[in-house]
């Protein structure tokens, strides 16, 4: 699979694969990220994977940019899918009021009952394509086409930590309190991001949502 290595400012390069969001591209990004991470390249201080690219940040006084670019261009980023770790993280979600802020709208928009929405949303694990937007925010791939829902026309000023939402072809979880425009269909009682625990999932993991009741939500929250 072809890729390009382009400057990304004075002290970074962007390895970019095909401009699309797909599992094949994701596996290539993950292979690239894991290989470079395992190499411990002198002068490289950060690697940032995204949907179809990996950003390599380096110290100019420790490695010459031309040397690094040639190295990146000539490295074969090939790892068999079987060699890539596959972690499935279960996240409990309450899809009931008062935690499903937009369930009524989503139900009317899609022409589905709440039970049908929950069944579709929890039917299979989602691939974590990348983390971003807010610390620990998961961009998940594999949302059933029947759940595709437009973003809110007017974003909320504040969305609670743990809120699970839909936006166009994506689903995701807000790990911290933040503004946002996704349609909220539930909330997890788990703490997904904190200073002590900066995240429970990584790029390349799979997330399986598990429906729980309000009483179960409150019980887990107190633990």
Foldseek 3Di string as FASTA:
>chain_A
DDWAWADDPDFKIKTFDDPDADPVQLVLQVLLQVVVVVVCDWFWDDWFGARGIIMTGGDCVTDPPVVVRVVSNPDDSDDDPVPDDEAEAEFEKAQDPPFQPQLVVQCVVLVHDLVVVVCQQQVDWWAFSHDDPDQAKTWTDDRDPSSADDWAPDWAQWDAAFFWFHHGRTIIGHLHIGIDGTRTRIGTLDRADDPVHRGDDGHGYIYGYDYDHPVVRVVVNVD
